[in-house]
Amino acid sequence: MPPAKKRKTRATAEPAEAVEAATPPEAAPVQEEAPAHEESSVAATSDEAAAKAKERAERFRALQERAKTGAKKNLKEATLESQRLATDPNLLTSLNRKSAIAQHNLMKADAEASGEDFERKRAWDWTIDESERWDKRIKKKGAHRDDQAFQDYRQDSRKVYKRQIRDLRPDMEHYEKEKMAAVEKAAASGGLEIVETDDGELVAVDKDGTFYSTADSTGFVDNKPPKDAVDRLVKDLQQAEDARLKKRRERMGAAEDGDVTYINEKNKQFNSKLNRFYNKALHGRDSG
């Protein structure tokens, strides 16, 4: 081998030995520490899995308790519902009423036997307000009972009017808005003056007497009711018409069940009058 090539071979061998000498001695211990790190990660994973399993077990037990409690509650409610359905409410009300009447009669008999005034003794358990409310209720009930029968058309109209007023629900919010708008308009035009009293209360003073309505006022012609008020009026009129037609059908229903023996309402009334007078005579003649 030529000398030059020998020198090159030595030159390449020396750097290899230098690299091996420059390798840090700590490389081998790093490879030995890797299994310890893996063992710690495996232990942490196992602990996390155990914690999750424990949490799932606790949730499962909680769900079991909820299911058991719900089943008991449903069974109790079903038992109460079956008992309620098995009990006749009308019979229960009748029994309670009879029991109250029996207790009342027993107390009255005991009071009369001892020579005491039963009404006075019973009134000891009532306050003055309760007694007045009871007397007012009894009076109103008696007047209502006497007012049920038809007397005349004026009385019937009064009953309808009272029922409509009782069922009337005024829109106070809309009323207050319109009132404030009217006050502001009158104050801006100078017809109304807002005066503050000594105690801080605001009082509206009508300066020329045109703010408050009189018999000659025509301001109501500009009033435009809201759509819901108009719909409510139409609904009330429709309900009144339906009630009238229902009563008419009920009056005519008995005669319409059989054969039609009339040509109009007047002829129907005449036939009914004939039946009232002559059917009894015919039945009496047939039986004789």
C-alpha atoms as a PDB file:
ATOM      1  CA  MET A   1       0.000   0.000   0.000  1.00  0.00           C
ATOM      2  CA  PRO A   2       1.470   3.432  -0.878  1.00  0.00           C
ATOM      3  CA  PRO A   3       2.426   5.741   1.959  1.00  0.00           C
ATOM      4  CA  ALA A   4      -0.150   8.388   1.002  1.00  0.00           C
ATOM      5  CA  LYS A   5      -2.995   5.957   1.336  1.00  0.00           C
ATOM      6  CA  LYS A   6      -1.677   4.805   4.665  1.00  0.00           C
ATOM      7  CA  ARG A   7      -1.670   8.361   5.909  1.00  0.00           C
ATOM      8  CA  LYS A   8      -5.317   8.818   4.793  1.00  0.00           C
ATOM      9  CA  THR A   9      -6.354   5.676   6.595  1.00  0.00           C
ATOM     10  CA  ARG A  10      -4.773   6.841   9.763  1.00  0.00           C
ATOM     11  CA  ALA A  11      -6.318  10.228   9.358  1.00  0.00           C
ATOM     12  CA  THR A  12      -9.831   8.775   9.124  1.00  0.00           C
ATOM     13  CA  ALA A  13      -9.242   6.404  12.000  1.00  0.00           C
ATOM     14  CA  GLU A  14      -8.117   9.162  14.326  1.00  0.00           C
ATOM     15  CA  PRO A  15     -11.353  11.200  14.008  1.00  0.00           C
ATOM     16  CA  ALA A  16     -13.413   8.067  14.705  1.00  0.00           C
ATOM     17  CA  GLU A  17     -11.440   7.483  17.864  1.00  0.00           C
ATOM     18  CA  ALA A  18     -11.880  11.165  18.749  1.00  0.00           C
ATOM     19  CA  VAL A  19     -15.662  10.921  18.310  1.00  0.00           C
ATOM     20  CA  GLU A  20     -15.791   7.861  20.523  1.00  0.00           C
ATOM     21  CA  ALA A  21     -13.709   9.673  23.118  1.00  0.00           C
ATOM     22  CA  ALA A  22     -15.978  12.764  22.916  1.00  0.00           C
ATOM     23  CA  THR A  23     -19.167  10.754  23.588  1.00  0.00           C
ATOM     24  CA  PRO A  24     -20.530  11.829  27.004  1.00  0.00           C
ATOM     25  CA  PRO A  25     -20.531   9.114  29.617  1.00  0.00           C
ATOM     26  CA  GLU A  26     -24.079  10.065  30.732  1.00  0.00           C
ATOM     27  CA  ALA A  27     -25.716   8.525  27.612  1.00  0.00           C
ATOM     28  CA  ALA A  28     -25.841   5.044  29.094  1.00  0.00           C
ATOM     29  CA  PRO A  29     -27.586   6.070  32.373  1.00  0.00           C
ATOM     30  CA  VAL A  30     -30.321   7.879  30.347  1.00  0.00           C
ATOM     31  CA  GLN A  31     -31.277   4.599  28.776  1.00  0.00           C
ATOM     32  CA  GLU A  32     -31.478   3.015  32.223  1.00  0.00           C
ATOM     33  CA  GLU A  33     -33.861   5.780  33.595  1.00  0.00           C
ATOM     34  CA  ALA A  34     -36.509   5.258  30.857  1.00  0.00           C
ATOM     35  CA  PRO A  35     -38.208   2.217  32.472  1.00  0.00           C
ATOM     36  CA  ALA A  36     -38.774   4.166  35.758  1.00  0.00           C
ATOM     37  CA  HIS A  37     -40.620   6.942  33.881  1.00  0.00           C
ATOM     38  CA  GLU A  38     -42.814   4.428  32.088  1.00  0.00           C
ATOM     39  CA  GLU A  39     -43.662   2.728  35.384  1.00  0.00           C
ATOM     40  CA  SER A  40     -44.787   6.067  36.911  1.00  0.00           C
ATOM     41  CA  SER A  41     -46.999   6.856  33.893  1.00  0.00           C
ATOM     42  CA  VAL A  42     -48.573   3.391  34.068  1.00  0.00           C
ATOM     43  CA  ALA A  43     -49.235   3.846  37.792  1.00  0.00           C
ATOM     44  CA  ALA A  44     -50.852   7.250  37.181  1.00  0.00           C
ATOM     45  CA  THR A  45     -53.046   5.776  34.441  1.00  0.00           C
ATOM     46  CA  SER A  46     -54.156   2.947  36.700  1.00  0.00           C
ATOM     47  CA  ASP A  47     -54.999   5.407  39.512  1.00  0.00           C
ATOM     48  CA  GLU A  48     -57.044   7.543  37.112  1.00  0.00           C
ATOM     49  CA  ALA A  49     -58.926   4.485  35.843  1.00  0.00           C
ATOM     50  CA  ALA A  50     -59.651   3.410  39.414  1.00  0.00           C
ATOM     51  CA  ALA A  51     -60.955   6.896  40.261  1.00  0.00           C
ATOM     52  CA  LYS A  52     -63.235   6.881  37.212  1.00  0.00           C
ATOM     53  CA  ALA A  53     -64.518   3.418  38.074  1.00  0.00           C
ATOM     54  CA  LYS A  54     -65.242   4.548  41.637  1.00  0.00           C
ATOM     55  CA  GLU A  55     -67.069   7.635  40.356  1.00  0.00           C
ATOM     56  CA  ARG A  56     -69.167   5.521  37.979  1.00  0.00           C
ATOM     57  CA  ALA A  57     -70.033   3.142  40.815  1.00  0.00           C
ATOM     58  CA  GLU A  58     -71.140   6.052  43.028  1.00  0.00           C
ATOM     59  CA  ARG A  59     -73.277   7.500  40.234  1.00  0.00           C
ATOM     60  CA  PHE A  60     -74.832   4.098  39.618  1.00  0.00           C
ATOM     61  CA  ARG A  61     -75.706   3.744  43.312  1.00  0.00           C
ATOM     62  CA  ALA A  62     -77.213   7.245  43.291  1.00  0.00           C
ATOM     63  CA  LEU A  63     -79.327   6.356  40.257  1.00  0.00           C
ATOM     64  CA  GLN A  64     -80.472   3.185  41.979  1.00  0.00           C
ATOM     65  CA  GLU A  65     -81.537   5.187  45.043  1.00  0.00           C
ATOM     66  CA  ARG A  66     -83.424   7.675  42.862  1.00  0.00           C
ATOM     67  CA  ALA A  67     -85.177   4.858  41.016  1.00  0.00           C
ATOM     68  CA  LYS A  68     -86.152   3.210  44.299  1.00  0.00           C
ATOM     69  CA  THR A  69     -87.464   6.497  45.737  1.00  0.00           C
ATOM     70  CA  GLY A  70     -89.404   7.250  42.548  1.00  0.00           C
ATOM     71  CA  ALA A  71     -90.973   3.797  42.548  1.00  0.00           C
ATOM     72  CA  LYS A  72     -92.125   4.221  46.170  1.00  0.00           C
ATOM     73  CA  LYS A  73     -93.543   7.667  45.431  1.00  0.00           C
ATOM     74  CA  ASN A  74     -95.372   6.453  42.322  1.00  0.00           C
ATOM     75  CA  LEU A  75     -96.837   3.520  44.234  1.00  0.00           C
ATOM     76  CA  LYS A  76     -98.061   5.828  46.994  1.00  0.00           C
ATOM     77  CA  GLU A  77     -99.645   8.263  44.522  1.00  0.00           C
ATOM     78  CA  ALA A  78    -101.256   5.408  42.589  1.00  0.00           C
ATOM     79  CA  THR A  79    -102.742   4.046  45.825  1.00  0.00           C
ATOM     80  CA  LEU A  80    -104.148   7.451  46.773  1.00  0.00           C
ATOM     81  CA  GLU A  81    -105.556   7.933  43.269  1.00  0.00           C
ATOM     82  CA  SER A  82    -107.254   4.532  43.328  1.00  0.00           C
ATOM     83  CA  GLN A  83    -108.764   5.323  46.720  1.00  0.00           C
ATOM     84  CA  ARG A  84    -109.990   8.680  45.451  1.00  0.00           C
ATOM     85  CA  LEU A  85    -111.574   7.105  42.384  1.00  0.00           C
ATOM     86  CA  ALA A  86    -113.161   4.376  44.493  1.00  0.00           C
ATOM     87  CA  THR A  87    -114.806   6.998  46.736  1.00  0.00           C
ATOM     88  CA  ASP A  88    -117.940   8.650  45.378  1.00  0.00           C
ATOM     89  CA  PRO A  89    -117.556  12.430  45.912  1.00  0.00           C
ATOM     90  CA  ASN A  90    -121.304  12.968  45.923  1.00  0.00           C
ATOM     91  CA  LEU A  91    -121.756  10.303  48.583  1.00  0.00           C
ATOM     92  CA  LEU A  92    -118.945  11.795  50.659  1.00  0.00           C
ATOM     93  CA  THR A  93    -120.491  15.263  50.422  1.00  0.00           C
ATOM     94  CA  SER A  94    -123.877  13.887  51.406  1.00  0.00           C
ATOM     95  CA  LEU A  95    -122.404  12.086  54.418  1.00  0.00           C
ATOM     96  CA  ASN A  96    -120.585  15.230  55.561  1.00  0.00           C
ATOM     97  CA  ARG A  97    -123.774  17.263  55.218  1.00  0.00           C
ATOM     98  CA  LYS A  98    -125.782  14.708  57.186  1.00  0.00           C
ATOM     99  CA  SER A  99    -123.107  14.603  59.886  1.00  0.00           C
ATOM    100  CA  ALA A 100    -123.133  18.402  60.194  1.00  0.00           C
ATOM    101  CA  ILE A 101    -126.944  18.445  60.427  1.00  0.00           C
ATOM    102  CA  ALA A 102    -126.901  15.722  63.077  1.00  0.00           C
ATOM    103  CA  GLN A 103    -124.331  17.616  65.151  1.00  0.00           C
ATOM    104  CA  HIS A 104    -126.382  20.798  64.824  1.00  0.00           C
ATOM    105  CA  ASN A 105    -129.561  19.076  65.973  1.00  0.00           C
ATOM    106  CA  LEU A 106    -127.753  17.400  68.879  1.00  0.00           C
ATOM    107  CA  MET A 107    -126.297  20.691  70.095  1.00  0.00           C
ATOM    108  CA  LYS A 108    -129.685  22.362  69.751  1.00  0.00           C
ATOM    109  CA  ALA A 109    -131.403  19.587  71.725  1.00  0.00           C
ATOM    110  CA  ASP A 110    -128.781  19.796  74.490  1.00  0.00           C
ATOM    111  CA  ALA A 111    -129.165  23.574  74.708  1.00  0.00           C
ATOM    112  CA  GLU A 112    -132.965  23.370  74.883  1.00  0.00           C
ATOM    113  CA  ALA A 113    -132.785  20.624  77.509  1.00  0.00           C
ATOM    114  CA  SER A 114    -130.566  22.793  79.710  1.00  0.00           C
ATOM    115  CA  GLY A 115    -132.791  25.839  79.189  1.00  0.00           C
ATOM    116  CA  GLU A 116    -130.241  27.871  77.198  1.00  0.00           C
ATOM    117  CA  ASP A 117    -130.731  29.944  74.071  1.00  0.00           C
ATOM    118  CA  PHE A 118    -129.147  27.899  71.287  1.00  0.00           C
ATOM    119  CA  GLU A 119    -128.700  30.762  68.806  1.00  0.00           C
ATOM    120  CA  ARG A 120    -127.138  32.976  71.467  1.00  0.00           C
ATOM    121  CA  LYS A 121    -124.825  30.183  72.572  1.00  0.00           C
ATOM    122  CA  ARG A 122    -123.762  29.427  69.030  1.00  0.00           C
ATOM    123  CA  ALA A 123    -123.125  33.122  68.363  1.00  0.00           C
ATOM    124  CA  TRP A 124    -120.419  33.119  71.041  1.00  0.00           C
ATOM    125  CA  ASP A 125    -118.083  31.400  68.576  1.00  0.00           C
ATOM    126  CA  TRP A 126    -118.518  34.162  65.970  1.00  0.00           C
ATOM    127  CA  THR A 127    -117.051  37.633  65.782  1.00  0.00           C
ATOM    128  CA  ILE A 128    -119.121  40.706  64.925  1.00  0.00           C
ATOM    129  CA  ASP A 129    -117.634  40.879  61.418  1.00  0.00           C
ATOM    130  CA  GLU A 130    -118.369  37.204  60.775  1.00  0.00           C
ATOM    131  CA  SER A 131    -121.938  37.626  62.010  1.00  0.00           C
ATOM    132  CA  GLU A 132    -122.527  40.664  59.782  1.00  0.00           C
ATOM    133  CA  ARG A 133    -121.053  38.903  56.752  1.00  0.00           C
ATOM    134  CA  TRP A 134    -123.224  35.868  57.419  1.00  0.00           C
ATOM    135  CA  ASP A 135    -126.399  37.974  57.739  1.00  0.00           C
ATOM    136  CA  LYS A 136    -125.528  39.794  54.529  1.00  0.00           C
ATOM    137  CA  ARG A 137    -124.941  36.502  52.747  1.00  0.00           C
ATOM    138  CA  ILE A 138    -128.270  35.061  53.914  1.00  0.00           C
ATOM    139  CA  LYS A 139    -130.103  38.213  52.850  1.00  0.00           C
ATOM    140  CA  LYS A 140    -128.432  38.218  49.442  1.00  0.00           C
ATOM    141  CA  LYS A 141    -129.161  34.518  48.977  1.00  0.00           C
ATOM    142  CA  GLY A 142    -132.842  35.027  49.784  1.00  0.00           C
ATOM    143  CA  ALA A 143    -133.114  37.989  47.413  1.00  0.00           C
ATOM    144  CA  HIS A 144    -131.403  36.005  44.678  1.00  0.00           C
ATOM    145  CA  ARG A 145    -133.776  33.083  45.201  1.00  0.00           C
ATOM    146  CA  ASP A 146    -136.798  35.372  44.945  1.00  0.00           C
ATOM    147  CA  ASP A 147    -135.312  37.035  41.872  1.00  0.00           C
ATOM    148  CA  GLN A 148    -135.001  33.837  39.842  1.00  0.00           C
ATOM    149  CA  ALA A 149    -138.618  33.624  38.675  1.00  0.00           C
ATOM    150  CA  PHE A 150    -139.758  35.744  35.756  1.00  0.00           C
ATOM    151  CA  GLN A 151    -141.691  38.820  36.869  1.00  0.00           C
ATOM    152  CA  ASP A 152    -141.644  41.247  33.962  1.00  0.00           C
ATOM    153  CA  TYR A 153    -139.347  42.246  31.116  1.00  0.00           C
ATOM    154  CA  ARG A 154    -137.950  45.202  33.036  1.00  0.00           C
ATOM    155  CA  GLN A 155    -136.862  42.927  35.873  1.00  0.00           C
ATOM    156  CA  ASP A 156    -135.387  40.476  33.387  1.00  0.00           C
ATOM    157  CA  SER A 157    -133.416  43.269  31.707  1.00  0.00           C
ATOM    158  CA  ARG A 158    -132.139  44.401  35.087  1.00  0.00           C
ATOM    159  CA  LYS A 159    -130.853  40.897  35.841  1.00  0.00           C
ATOM    160  CA  VAL A 160    -129.064  40.750  32.492  1.00  0.00           C
ATOM    161  CA  TYR A 161    -127.543  44.181  33.095  1.00  0.00           C
ATOM    162  CA  LYS A 162    -126.315  43.215  36.569  1.00  0.00           C
ATOM    163  CA  ARG A 163    -124.757  40.031  35.196  1.00  0.00           C
ATOM    164  CA  GLN A 164    -122.976  41.968  32.454  1.00  0.00           C
ATOM    165  CA  ILE A 165    -121.676  44.545  34.925  1.00  0.00           C
ATOM    166  CA  ARG A 166    -120.466  41.765  37.220  1.00  0.00           C
ATOM    167  CA  ASP A 167    -118.561  40.119  34.380  1.00  0.00           C
ATOM    168  CA  LEU A 168    -117.154  43.418  33.105  1.00  0.00           C
ATOM    169  CA  ARG A 169    -113.398  43.769  33.427  1.00  0.00           C
ATOM    170  CA  PRO A 170    -112.370  47.399  32.745  1.00  0.00           C
ATOM    171  CA  ASP A 171    -108.963  48.080  31.217  1.00  0.00           C
ATOM    172  CA  MET A 172    -107.553  50.431  33.852  1.00  0.00           C
ATOM    173  CA  GLU A 173    -104.156  50.695  32.146  1.00  0.00           C
ATOM    174  CA  HIS A 174    -105.715  51.994  28.920  1.00  0.00           C
ATOM    175  CA  TYR A 175    -107.933  54.326  30.944  1.00  0.00           C
ATOM    176  CA  GLU A 176    -104.977  55.841  32.788  1.00  0.00           C
ATOM    177  CA  LYS A 177    -103.082  56.367  29.516  1.00  0.00           C
ATOM    178  CA  GLU A 178    -106.026  58.176  27.933  1.00  0.00           C
ATOM    179  CA  LYS A 179    -106.523  60.227  31.094  1.00  0.00           C
ATOM    180  CA  MET A 180    -102.905  61.386  31.183  1.00  0.00           C
ATOM    181  CA  ALA A 181    -102.985  62.194  27.464  1.00  0.00           C
ATOM    182  CA  ALA A 182    -106.128  64.311  27.946  1.00  0.00           C
ATOM    183  CA  VAL A 183    -104.605  66.126  30.937  1.00  0.00           C
ATOM    184  CA  GLU A 184    -101.395  66.894  29.038  1.00  0.00           C
ATOM    185  CA  LYS A 185    -103.352  68.120  26.020  1.00  0.00           C
ATOM    186  CA  ALA A 186    -105.561  70.376  28.138  1.00  0.00           C
ATOM    187  CA  ALA A 187    -102.554  71.724  30.056  1.00  0.00           C
ATOM    188  CA  ALA A 188    -100.725  72.510  26.805  1.00  0.00           C
ATOM    189  CA  SER A 189    -103.744  74.368  25.393  1.00  0.00           C
ATOM    190  CA  GLY A 190    -104.149  76.410  28.579  1.00  0.00           C
ATOM    191  CA  GLY A 191    -107.559  75.081  29.566  1.00  0.00           C
ATOM    192  CA  LEU A 192    -106.164  73.146  32.516  1.00  0.00           C
ATOM    193  CA  GLU A 193    -103.752  74.384  35.138  1.00  0.00           C
ATOM    194  CA  ILE A 194    -101.650  72.072  37.316  1.00  0.00           C
ATOM    195  CA  VAL A 195    -101.373  73.479  40.847  1.00  0.00           C
ATOM    196  CA  GLU A 196     -99.174  72.025  43.579  1.00  0.00           C
ATOM    197  CA  THR A 197    -100.602  72.115  47.088  1.00  0.00           C
ATOM    198  CA  ASP A 198     -98.679  72.669  50.305  1.00  0.00           C
ATOM    199  CA  ASP A 199     -98.249  68.948  50.910  1.00  0.00           C
ATOM    200  CA  GLY A 200     -96.815  68.382  47.423  1.00  0.00           C
ATOM    201  CA  GLU A 201     -99.959  66.991  45.771  1.00  0.00           C
ATOM    202  CA  LEU A 202    -100.634  67.992  42.153  1.00  0.00           C
ATOM    203  CA  VAL A 203    -104.194  69.151  41.471  1.00  0.00           C
ATOM    204  CA  ALA A 204    -105.683  69.876  38.043  1.00  0.00           C
ATOM    205  CA  VAL A 205    -107.769  73.064  37.986  1.00  0.00           C
ATOM    206  CA  ASP A 206    -110.248  73.564  35.143  1.00  0.00           C
ATOM    207  CA  LYS A 207    -109.820  77.234  34.301  1.00  0.00           C
ATOM    208  CA  ASP A 208    -112.614  77.768  31.769  1.00  0.00           C
ATOM    209  CA  GLY A 209    -114.835  74.760  32.552  1.00  0.00           C
ATOM    210  CA  THR A 210    -114.211  72.917  29.282  1.00  0.00           C
ATOM    211  CA  PHE A 211    -112.057  70.027  30.466  1.00  0.00           C
ATOM    212  CA  TYR A 212    -114.626  67.944  32.320  1.00  0.00           C
ATOM    213  CA  SER A 213    -117.484  66.494  30.283  1.00  0.00           C
ATOM    214  CA  THR A 214    -121.021  67.790  30.608  1.00  0.00           C
ATOM    215  CA  ALA A 215    -124.347  66.884  29.042  1.00  0.00           C
ATOM    216  CA  ASP A 216    -123.500  69.124  26.079  1.00  0.00           C
ATOM    217  CA  SER A 217    -119.992  67.743  25.517  1.00  0.00           C
ATOM    218  CA  THR A 218    -119.263  66.084  22.168  1.00  0.00           C
ATOM    219  CA  GLY A 219    -115.685  64.974  22.749  1.00  0.00           C
ATOM    220  CA  PHE A 220    -116.707  61.339  22.933  1.00  0.00           C
ATOM    221  CA  VAL A 221    -117.381  61.261  19.177  1.00  0.00           C
ATOM    222  CA  ASP A 222    -113.631  61.300  18.543  1.00  0.00           C
ATOM    223  CA  ASN A 223    -113.022  58.301  20.767  1.00  0.00           C
ATOM    224  CA  LYS A 224    -111.785  55.230  18.916  1.00  0.00           C
ATOM    225  CA  PRO A 225    -111.911  52.002  20.944  1.00  0.00           C
ATOM    226  CA  PRO A 226    -109.030  49.526  20.604  1.00  0.00           C
ATOM    227  CA  LYS A 227    -109.397  46.422  18.479  1.00  0.00           C
ATOM    228  CA  ASP A 228    -109.411  44.002  21.423  1.00  0.00           C
ATOM    229  CA  ALA A 229    -112.331  45.903  23.000  1.00  0.00           C
ATOM    230  CA  VAL A 230    -114.301  45.637  19.757  1.00  0.00           C
ATOM    231  CA  ASP A 231    -113.521  41.925  19.523  1.00  0.00           C
ATOM    232  CA  ARG A 232    -114.668  41.453  23.111  1.00  0.00           C
ATOM    233  CA  LEU A 233    -117.956  43.225  22.346  1.00  0.00           C
ATOM    234  CA  VAL A 234    -118.529  41.054  19.273  1.00  0.00           C
ATOM    235  CA  LYS A 235    -117.797  37.935  21.330  1.00  0.00           C
ATOM    236  CA  ASP A 236    -120.306  38.954  24.016  1.00  0.00           C
ATOM    237  CA  LEU A 237    -122.995  39.599  21.413  1.00  0.00           C
ATOM    238  CA  GLN A 238    -122.302  36.239  19.786  1.00  0.00           C
ATOM    239  CA  GLN A 239    -122.552  34.449  23.133  1.00  0.00           C
ATOM    240  CA  ALA A 240    -125.890  36.141  23.867  1.00  0.00           C
ATOM    241  CA  GLU A 241    -127.213  35.109  20.452  1.00  0.00           C
ATOM    242  CA  ASP A 242    -126.038  31.520  20.947  1.00  0.00           C
ATOM    243  CA  ALA A 243    -127.747  31.374  24.348  1.00  0.00           C
ATOM    244  CA  ARG A 244    -130.991  32.683  22.849  1.00  0.00           C
ATOM    245  CA  LEU A 245    -130.925  30.124  20.042  1.00  0.00           C
ATOM    246  CA  LYS A 246    -130.102  27.337  22.496  1.00  0.00           C
ATOM    247  CA  LYS A 247    -133.129  28.152  24.657  1.00  0.00           C
ATOM    248  CA  ARG A 248    -135.295  28.300  21.561  1.00  0.00           C
ATOM    249  CA  ARG A 249    -134.110  24.869  20.439  1.00  0.00           C
ATOM    250  CA  GLU A 250    -134.783  23.483  23.912  1.00  0.00           C
ATOM    251  CA  ARG A 251    -138.329  24.827  23.868  1.00  0.00           C
ATOM    252  CA  MET A 252    -139.029  23.384  20.441  1.00  0.00           C
ATOM    253  CA  GLY A 253    -137.060  20.167  20.938  1.00  0.00           C
ATOM    254  CA  ALA A 254    -139.820  18.221  22.689  1.00  0.00           C
ATOM    255  CA  ALA A 255    -142.301  18.714  19.870  1.00  0.00           C
ATOM    256  CA  GLU A 256    -139.760  18.132  17.104  1.00  0.00           C
ATOM    257  CA  ASP A 257    -138.978  14.636  18.386  1.00  0.00           C
ATOM    258  CA  GLY A 258    -142.297  13.303  17.092  1.00  0.00           C
ATOM    259  CA  ASP A 259    -144.231  13.825  13.864  1.00  0.00           C
ATOM    260  CA  VAL A 260    -144.536  17.365  12.521  1.00  0.00           C
ATOM    261  CA  THR A 261    -148.228  18.305  12.729  1.00  0.00           C
ATOM    262  CA  TYR A 262    -147.997  22.059  12.152  1.00  0.00           C
ATOM    263  CA  ILE A 263    -147.209  24.400   9.298  1.00  0.00           C
ATOM    264  CA  ASN A 264    -145.891  27.338  11.333  1.00  0.00           C
ATOM    265  CA  GLU A 265    -145.302  28.453  14.915  1.00  0.00           C
ATOM    266  CA  LYS A 266    -148.827  29.834  15.341  1.00  0.00           C
ATOM    267  CA  ASN A 267    -150.376  26.595  14.136  1.00  0.00           C
ATOM    268  CA  LYS A 268    -148.096  24.681  16.500  1.00  0.00           C
ATOM    269  CA  GLN A 269    -149.376  26.693  19.469  1.00  0.00           C
ATOM    270  CA  PHE A 270    -152.985  26.120  18.397  1.00  0.00           C
ATOM    271  CA  ASN A 271    -152.447  22.357  18.122  1.00  0.00           C
ATOM    272  CA  SER A 272    -150.808  22.310  21.532  1.00  0.00           C
ATOM    273  CA  LYS A 273    -153.802  24.094  23.041  1.00  0.00           C
ATOM    274  CA  LEU A 274    -156.195  21.593  21.450  1.00  0.00           C
ATOM    275  CA  ASN A 275    -154.180  18.721  22.869  1.00  0.00           C
ATOM    276  CA  ARG A 276    -154.259  20.190  26.362  1.00  0.00           C
ATOM    277  CA  PHE A 277    -158.049  20.513  26.372  1.00  0.00           C
ATOM    278  CA  TYR A 278    -159.266  17.555  24.334  1.00  0.00           C
ATOM    279  CA  ASN A 279    -156.737  14.790  24.956  1.00  0.00           C
ATOM    280  CA  LYS A 280    -157.931  14.430  28.555  1.00  0.00           C
ATOM    281  CA  ALA A 281    -161.555  14.122  27.414  1.00  0.00           C
ATOM    282  CA  LEU A 282    -160.674  11.522  24.804  1.00  0.00           C
ATOM    283  CA  HIS A 283    -158.686   9.473  27.315  1.00  0.00           C
ATOM    284  CA  GLY A 284    -161.560   9.641  29.797  1.00  0.00           C
ATOM    285  CA  ARG A 285    -164.096   8.529  27.178  1.00  0.00           C
ATOM    286  CA  ASP A 286    -161.895   5.622  26.077  1.00  0.00           C
ATOM    287  CA  SER A 287    -161.422   4.441  29.651  1.00  0.00           C
ATOM    288  CA  GLY A 288    -165.194   4.638  30.308  1.00  0.00           C
END
